[in-house]
Amino acid sequence: MSTQSVPPTRQQPTLLAAVAGLEAVVAAGDDEGFGPALGLVGGLFGPADQAERRAAGPRLAALLPDAPPFPRAHLAMVVGACVESGADPVACAGPVLAGLRGALTGAQRLVEHWARTGGGPLPDQEADDPAEAHARIEDPEHLDPWHAHLAVVAWWTLHLWQQAARAVYAHPSVRTEARASGVTEVLLELFDRYGGERHDVKGLTHLALVLDDEPLLVLDRPTGTGYLLRMSGLSDTFQLHTLLADVLIGGGHLPGLPQDPEVVALARTAVLDGRRLTATGAFNLVAPDGSWLWNEGTPSDVPLLDGVRTLVLEPLPYARSWSAGRFLQEVPGDLRLERVLDPAEAARRLARTVPGASPAAAFG
């Protein structure tokens, strides 16, 4: 009886093998080979298990500085996906946030040179030709070809860098390190200066401003009481207001109507499910100098007094309500009471504040 030889089963490549191939391409400076190698990484990402994705994240992040400009942003997106799959966010964050900084700087350069060369509607990343944008902004006296190229690349890829940055900035460990190192301060300045209406940086701005494990001193003027709390992951002052009412009114420390438990859950960790729930205002939030702190802002607006963010609660000047939830759904929020100030300390601290401005002055 004859037997036929059976060809050996071809082993499917793994994600980490594809990562090694991309590392070799980058080490060789093979820009032409980068796209196909990155395509193989992307194609194997979906079938890969969590362990491979976690291991791939830092290795891919390390390649970002040396990747070719246009596909670099697509690599950043893969790094962000690895972080969402459990890769070490701190190990991945540095190159991603550095790439975001470069993209913001380049995109702003395009905005400025677009205005210099006649203005008009900025390029549409889907409908317009990057080569035409390059030809328009390049100028021997103002912008050399390489920096014009980087500006165009930044304009066409900034949205990808934003998504990758959100993936890493969603983690408190990254926010803490980026704030301590000064990276967040630089990015916030770039967000503030950015003038390209085709890229919405509001979400990333709120994310970069999120405070973690931050002490908050709250003084209630009507009762003369004071409270030391600690907040983490709060992305907007609507959320802070909701949780203040929950902790202080719901906790029995201050008079008033407690928030609906479902509204509170949405301000902490629950995800919106299509229903429209409403939170109601309980206080007027005031800075120690008497200026109002608007719900539309962020908890980082609460000023420091003696090194601690200090907030004064006063009666509502008019009824307020807003849609329940968190501005950043991917970031859970927390506010907890650490201690109630003794009456003498509360009085002493309140004496250093001034009553809130009148509505006319606040809106003026």
Protein backbone atom coordinates (compact mmCIF):
# COMPACT_ATOMS: atom_id res chain seq x y z
CA MET A 1 0.00 0.00 0.00
CA SER A 2 1.51 3.27 -1.09
CA THR A 3 1.45 6.36 1.00
CA GLN A 4 1.54 9.90 -0.16
CA SER A 5 3.71 12.37 1.62
CA VAL A 6 1.66 15.08 3.30
CA PRO A 7 3.16 18.55 3.04
CA PRO A 8 3.86 20.08 6.43
CA THR A 9 1.28 22.55 7.66
CA ARG A 10 2.54 26.07 7.16
CA GLN A 11 2.73 27.85 10.49
CA GLN A 12 0.78 31.07 10.57
CA PRO A 13 2.84 34.15 11.49
CA THR A 14 2.20 35.61 14.91
CA LEU A 15 1.73 39.23 15.91
CA LEU A 16 5.04 39.29 17.75
CA ALA A 17 6.83 37.84 14.71
CA ALA A 18 5.32 40.65 12.63
CA VAL A 19 6.47 43.17 15.25
CA ALA A 20 10.00 41.75 14.97
CA GLY A 21 9.78 42.16 11.20
CA LEU A 22 8.73 45.80 11.58
CA GLU A 23 11.58 46.38 14.03
CA ALA A 24 14.02 45.02 11.44
CA VAL A 25 12.58 47.31 8.75
CA VAL A 26 12.96 50.36 10.98
CA ALA A 27 16.48 49.39 12.04
CA ALA A 28 17.44 49.10 8.35
CA GLY A 29 15.92 52.50 7.55
CA ASP A 30 13.77 50.82 4.90
CA ASP A 31 10.98 53.39 4.47
CA GLU A 32 9.62 51.56 1.42
CA GLY A 33 9.22 48.37 3.41
CA PHE A 34 7.59 50.07 6.37
CA GLY A 35 4.05 50.18 4.98
CA PRO A 36 3.82 46.47 4.10
CA ALA A 37 5.43 45.48 7.43
CA LEU A 38 3.00 47.66 9.36
CA GLY A 39 0.14 46.23 7.30
CA LEU A 40 1.14 42.73 8.43
CA VAL A 41 1.15 43.88 12.06
CA GLY A 42 -2.32 45.37 11.63
CA GLY A 43 -3.63 42.27 9.91
CA LEU A 44 -2.45 40.02 12.73
CA PHE A 45 -3.60 42.29 15.54
CA GLY A 46 -7.22 41.11 15.48
CA PRO A 47 -6.51 37.35 15.73
CA ALA A 48 -3.76 37.86 18.36
CA ASP A 49 -4.45 37.05 21.98
CA GLN A 50 -4.32 39.59 24.80
CA ALA A 51 -0.84 38.51 25.93
CA GLU A 52 0.62 39.18 22.46
CA ARG A 53 -1.07 42.56 22.24
CA ARG A 54 0.19 43.55 25.67
CA ALA A 55 3.73 42.54 24.78
CA ALA A 56 3.58 44.30 21.40
CA GLY A 57 2.58 47.71 22.75
CA PRO A 58 5.88 48.99 24.21
CA ARG A 59 7.89 47.49 21.33
CA LEU A 60 5.74 49.26 18.74
CA ALA A 61 5.78 52.51 20.72
CA ALA A 62 9.59 52.45 20.70
CA LEU A 63 9.50 52.47 16.86
CA LEU A 64 7.43 55.65 16.59
CA PRO A 65 10.30 58.20 16.60
CA ASP A 66 12.03 56.51 13.65
CA ALA A 67 8.96 55.62 11.59
CA PRO A 68 8.30 57.48 8.29
CA PRO A 69 6.10 60.57 8.86
CA PHE A 70 2.83 59.57 7.16
CA PRO A 71 2.48 55.95 8.38
CA ARG A 72 3.82 56.88 11.83
CA ALA A 73 0.33 57.99 12.89
CA HIS A 74 -1.13 54.64 11.83
CA LEU A 75 1.49 52.90 13.95
CA ALA A 76 0.44 55.13 16.86
CA MET A 77 -3.12 53.91 16.41
CA VAL A 78 -1.93 50.31 16.74
CA VAL A 79 -0.05 51.28 19.90
CA GLY A 80 -3.25 52.81 21.28
CA ALA A 81 -5.13 49.61 20.49
CA CYS A 82 -2.46 47.64 22.36
CA VAL A 83 -2.95 49.88 25.40
CA GLU A 84 -6.70 49.30 25.21
CA SER A 85 -5.89 45.58 25.21
CA GLY A 86 -3.84 45.86 28.40
CA ALA A 87 -0.35 46.98 27.30
CA ASP A 88 1.56 49.10 29.82
CA PRO A 89 0.19 52.62 29.22
CA VAL A 90 3.18 54.39 30.78
CA ALA A 91 5.65 52.43 28.66
CA CYS A 92 3.68 53.40 25.54
CA ALA A 93 2.75 56.98 26.38
CA GLY A 94 6.01 58.87 25.86
CA PRO A 95 6.39 58.37 22.09
CA VAL A 96 2.63 58.74 21.53
CA LEU A 97 2.42 62.07 23.36
CA ALA A 98 5.62 63.27 21.67
CA GLY A 99 4.01 62.41 18.32
CA LEU A 100 0.87 64.29 19.30
CA ARG A 101 2.98 67.32 20.18
CA GLY A 102 4.66 67.19 16.77
CA ALA A 103 1.33 66.79 14.99
CA LEU A 104 -0.19 69.75 16.82
CA THR A 105 2.84 71.89 16.04
CA GLY A 106 2.82 70.88 12.38
CA ALA A 107 -0.92 71.33 11.96
CA GLN A 108 -0.74 74.79 13.51
CA ARG A 109 2.11 75.60 11.11
CA LEU A 110 -0.15 74.64 8.19
CA VAL A 111 -2.93 76.87 9.56
CA GLU A 112 -0.57 79.83 9.84
CA HIS A 113 0.96 79.40 6.38
CA TRP A 114 -2.46 78.81 4.86
CA ALA A 115 -3.51 82.21 6.18
CA ARG A 116 -0.26 83.74 4.89
CA THR A 117 -0.91 82.38 1.39
CA GLY A 118 -4.43 83.73 0.99
CA GLY A 119 -6.55 82.06 3.64
CA GLY A 120 -9.87 80.50 2.78
CA PRO A 121 -11.21 77.09 3.83
CA LEU A 122 -8.54 74.82 5.26
CA PRO A 123 -7.87 71.53 3.44
CA ASP A 124 -10.39 68.72 3.75
CA GLN A 125 -8.46 65.60 4.72
CA GLU A 126 -10.82 63.35 2.77
CA ALA A 127 -11.52 65.42 -0.33
CA ASP A 128 -8.35 67.45 -0.94
CA ASP A 129 -4.90 66.49 -2.22
CA PRO A 130 -1.99 66.73 0.24
CA ALA A 131 0.39 67.49 -2.63
CA GLU A 132 -1.62 70.58 -3.55
CA ALA A 133 -1.57 71.77 0.06
CA HIS A 134 2.20 71.23 0.14
CA ALA A 135 2.70 73.23 -3.06
CA ARG A 136 0.65 76.10 -1.67
CA ILE A 137 2.41 76.52 1.69
CA GLU A 138 6.00 75.79 0.63
CA ASP A 139 8.03 78.95 0.22
CA PRO A 140 11.83 79.35 0.19
CA GLU A 141 11.58 82.45 2.37
CA HIS A 142 9.11 81.14 4.94
CA LEU A 143 8.80 77.34 4.90
CA ASP A 144 11.32 74.88 3.45
CA PRO A 145 10.12 71.70 1.67
CA TRP A 146 10.76 69.35 4.60
CA HIS A 147 8.85 71.44 7.15
CA ALA A 148 6.09 71.99 4.61
CA HIS A 149 5.90 68.20 4.23
CA LEU A 150 5.72 67.73 8.01
CA ALA A 151 2.99 70.36 8.27
CA VAL A 152 0.89 68.61 5.63
CA VAL A 153 1.46 65.21 7.23
CA ALA A 154 0.44 66.64 10.61
CA TRP A 155 -2.73 68.15 9.19
CA TRP A 156 -3.75 64.90 7.51
CA THR A 157 -2.95 62.67 10.51
CA LEU A 158 -3.70 64.75 13.63
CA HIS A 159 -7.01 62.95 14.19
CA LEU A 160 -5.12 59.65 14.39
CA TRP A 161 -2.69 61.04 16.96
CA GLN A 162 -5.64 62.33 18.97
CA GLN A 163 -7.18 58.86 19.12
CA ALA A 164 -3.89 57.24 20.13
CA ALA A 165 -3.31 59.91 22.78
CA ARG A 166 -6.79 59.37 24.24
CA ALA A 167 -5.99 55.69 24.66
CA VAL A 168 -2.94 56.40 26.82
CA TYR A 169 -4.26 59.53 28.58
CA ALA A 170 -7.28 57.54 29.76
CA HIS A 171 -5.00 56.00 32.40
CA PRO A 172 -4.31 57.85 35.69
CA SER A 173 -0.69 56.65 35.73
CA VAL A 174 -0.05 58.38 32.40
CA ARG A 175 -1.84 61.56 33.44
CA THR A 176 0.17 61.72 36.66
CA GLU A 177 3.52 61.21 34.94
CA ALA A 178 2.72 63.57 32.05
CA ARG A 179 1.65 66.31 34.46
CA ALA A 180 4.75 65.86 36.65
CA SER A 181 7.13 65.90 33.68
CA GLY A 182 5.63 69.04 32.13
CA VAL A 183 4.33 67.22 29.04
CA THR A 184 0.72 68.04 29.87
CA GLU A 185 1.51 71.73 30.34
CA VAL A 186 3.11 71.87 26.89
CA LEU A 187 0.20 70.03 25.25
CA LEU A 188 -2.38 72.26 26.94
CA GLU A 189 -0.57 75.32 25.58
CA LEU A 190 -0.64 73.81 22.09
CA PHE A 191 -4.35 72.94 22.43
CA ASP A 192 -5.05 76.53 23.47
CA ARG A 193 -3.11 77.95 20.53
CA TYR A 194 -4.47 75.57 17.91
CA GLY A 195 -6.54 77.28 15.25
CA GLY A 196 -7.66 74.47 12.95
CA GLU A 197 -11.41 74.08 13.16
CA ARG A 198 -11.33 70.71 11.38
CA HIS A 199 -9.77 69.05 14.42
CA ASP A 200 -11.77 69.18 17.66
CA VAL A 201 -9.29 69.18 20.56
CA LYS A 202 -11.88 69.78 23.31
CA GLY A 203 -12.02 66.13 24.37
CA LEU A 204 -8.25 65.81 24.66
CA THR A 205 -8.07 69.12 26.51
CA HIS A 206 -10.53 67.88 29.11
CA LEU A 207 -8.64 64.60 29.36
CA ALA A 208 -5.30 66.31 29.88
CA LEU A 209 -6.84 68.52 32.60
CA VAL A 210 -8.22 65.58 34.61
CA LEU A 211 -6.82 65.52 38.16
CA ASP A 212 -6.16 62.27 40.02
CA ASP A 213 -5.92 61.70 43.76
CA GLU A 214 -6.30 65.47 44.22
CA PRO A 215 -7.28 66.96 47.61
CA LEU A 216 -10.28 69.30 47.50
CA LEU A 217 -11.24 71.58 50.39
CA VAL A 218 -14.93 72.50 50.32
CA LEU A 219 -16.38 75.25 52.52
CA ASP A 220 -20.14 75.71 52.83
CA ARG A 221 -20.89 79.34 53.56
CA PRO A 222 -24.54 78.98 54.71
CA THR A 223 -23.70 76.42 57.43
CA GLY A 224 -20.13 77.50 58.14
CA THR A 225 -18.91 73.92 57.75
CA GLY A 226 -15.92 72.55 55.91
CA TYR A 227 -14.92 69.24 54.31
CA LEU A 228 -11.73 67.74 52.97
CA LEU A 229 -12.42 65.48 50.01
CA ARG A 230 -10.31 63.73 47.38
CA MET A 231 -11.20 63.62 43.68
CA SER A 232 -9.98 61.48 40.82
CA GLY A 233 -10.96 61.20 37.17
CA LEU A 234 -13.42 64.10 37.09
CA SER A 235 -13.48 65.54 33.58
CA ASP A 236 -16.02 68.37 33.97
CA THR A 237 -17.48 70.53 36.71
CA PHE A 238 -21.01 69.26 36.04
CA GLN A 239 -19.68 65.90 37.21
CA LEU A 240 -18.00 67.46 40.27
CA HIS A 241 -21.22 69.33 41.16
CA THR A 242 -23.25 66.11 40.96
CA LEU A 243 -20.85 64.20 43.19
CA LEU A 244 -20.57 67.04 45.72
CA ALA A 245 -24.34 66.90 46.13
CA ASP A 246 -24.16 63.13 46.51
CA VAL A 247 -21.37 63.11 49.10
CA LEU A 248 -22.42 66.12 51.15
CA ILE A 249 -26.22 66.17 50.83
CA GLY A 250 -26.70 62.45 50.23
CA GLY A 251 -24.23 61.77 53.05
CA GLY A 252 -26.28 63.84 55.50
CA HIS A 253 -23.72 66.61 56.00
CA LEU A 254 -25.66 69.42 54.30
CA PRO A 255 -29.39 70.09 53.88
CA GLY A 256 -31.05 69.67 50.50
CA LEU A 257 -32.43 67.11 48.09
CA PRO A 258 -30.01 64.26 47.24
CA GLN A 259 -29.30 63.40 43.62
CA ASP A 260 -31.05 60.49 41.93
CA PRO A 261 -28.85 57.38 42.48
CA GLU A 262 -28.81 56.69 38.73
CA VAL A 263 -27.58 60.22 38.08
CA VAL A 264 -24.81 59.67 40.62
CA ALA A 265 -23.88 56.35 39.02
CA LEU A 266 -23.51 58.03 35.63
CA ALA A 267 -21.17 60.60 37.18
CA ARG A 268 -19.02 57.80 38.60
CA THR A 269 -18.77 54.70 36.43
CA ALA A 270 -22.08 53.85 34.74
CA VAL A 271 -22.38 54.14 30.96
CA LEU A 272 -25.18 56.05 29.24
CA ASP A 273 -27.78 53.62 27.90
CA GLY A 274 -29.86 55.92 25.72
CA ARG A 275 -32.09 57.30 28.44
CA ARG A 276 -31.94 61.01 29.20
CA LEU A 277 -31.51 61.57 32.94
CA THR A 278 -31.27 65.01 34.51
CA ALA A 279 -29.04 66.25 37.32
CA THR A 280 -30.13 69.26 39.35
CA GLY A 281 -27.97 72.01 40.78
CA ALA A 282 -27.55 72.12 44.55
CA PHE A 283 -25.05 74.94 45.06
CA ASN A 284 -23.38 77.90 43.50
CA LEU A 285 -19.71 77.01 43.14
CA VAL A 286 -17.47 79.93 44.08
CA ALA A 287 -13.71 80.48 44.22
CA PRO A 288 -12.16 81.93 47.39
CA ASP A 289 -11.94 85.34 45.68
CA GLY A 290 -15.72 85.38 45.06
CA SER A 291 -15.64 84.60 41.34
CA TRP A 292 -18.04 81.95 40.07
CA LEU A 293 -16.80 78.57 38.89
CA TRP A 294 -18.92 77.49 35.95
CA ASN A 295 -20.21 73.97 35.51
CA GLU A 296 -19.03 74.10 31.89
CA GLY A 297 -15.42 74.19 33.12
CA THR A 298 -13.24 71.51 34.68
CA PRO A 299 -12.27 70.79 38.31
CA SER A 300 -8.79 72.10 37.49
CA ASP A 301 -10.45 75.57 37.49
CA VAL A 302 -10.78 75.34 41.29
CA PRO A 303 -7.90 77.53 42.52
CA LEU A 304 -5.20 76.55 44.94
CA LEU A 305 -5.21 78.23 48.36
CA ASP A 306 -2.31 77.30 50.62
CA GLY A 307 -1.51 74.49 48.20
CA VAL A 308 -4.99 72.91 48.28
CA ARG A 309 -7.77 73.42 45.75
CA THR A 310 -10.44 75.33 47.65
CA LEU A 311 -14.09 75.63 46.71
CA VAL A 312 -16.86 77.59 48.45
CA LEU A 313 -20.50 76.51 48.26
CA GLU A 314 -23.20 79.19 48.29
CA PRO A 315 -26.97 79.13 47.68
CA LEU A 316 -28.15 78.76 44.10
CA PRO A 317 -29.03 82.15 42.59
CA TYR A 318 -31.37 80.42 40.11
CA ALA A 319 -32.46 76.86 39.29
CA ARG A 320 -30.00 74.79 37.26
CA SER A 321 -30.19 71.38 35.64
CA TRP A 322 -28.16 69.44 33.08
CA SER A 323 -27.98 66.11 31.31
CA ALA A 324 -26.50 63.48 33.59
CA GLY A 325 -23.31 61.71 32.64
CA ARG A 326 -19.58 62.27 32.21
CA PHE A 327 -17.96 64.32 29.48
CA LEU A 328 -15.38 61.54 29.09
CA GLN A 329 -17.18 58.22 29.20
CA GLU A 330 -13.93 56.24 29.16
CA VAL A 331 -12.72 57.77 32.45
CA PRO A 332 -14.43 56.68 35.70
CA GLY A 333 -14.86 59.43 38.28
CA ASP A 334 -14.55 59.39 42.05
CA LEU A 335 -15.09 61.85 44.89
CA ARG A 336 -14.85 60.76 48.48
CA LEU A 337 -14.97 62.49 51.87
CA GLU A 338 -11.80 62.19 53.96
CA ARG A 339 -12.74 64.27 56.98
CA VAL A 340 -15.09 66.93 58.29
CA LEU A 341 -13.26 70.05 59.46
CA ASP A 342 -13.76 71.03 63.08
CA PRO A 343 -15.82 74.24 63.46
CA ALA A 344 -12.84 76.42 64.36
CA GLU A 345 -10.83 75.34 61.31
CA ALA A 346 -13.81 75.77 59.01
CA ALA A 347 -14.45 79.27 60.37
CA ARG A 348 -10.81 80.21 60.02
CA ARG A 349 -10.68 79.06 56.41
CA LEU A 350 -13.99 80.69 55.50
CA ALA A 351 -12.72 83.99 56.91
CA ARG A 352 -10.07 83.98 54.18
CA THR A 353 -12.70 83.94 51.44
CA VAL A 354 -15.08 86.60 50.15
CA PRO A 355 -18.77 86.15 49.30
CA GLY A 356 -19.61 85.26 45.74
CA ALA A 357 -20.13 87.96 43.13
CA SER A 358 -23.67 88.99 42.24
CA PRO A 359 -25.22 87.41 39.13
CA ALA A 360 -24.89 90.72 37.33
CA ALA A 361 -21.18 90.88 38.09
CA ALA A 362 -20.65 87.19 37.31
CA PHE A 363 -22.30 87.49 33.89
CA GLY A 364 -20.81 90.90 33.17
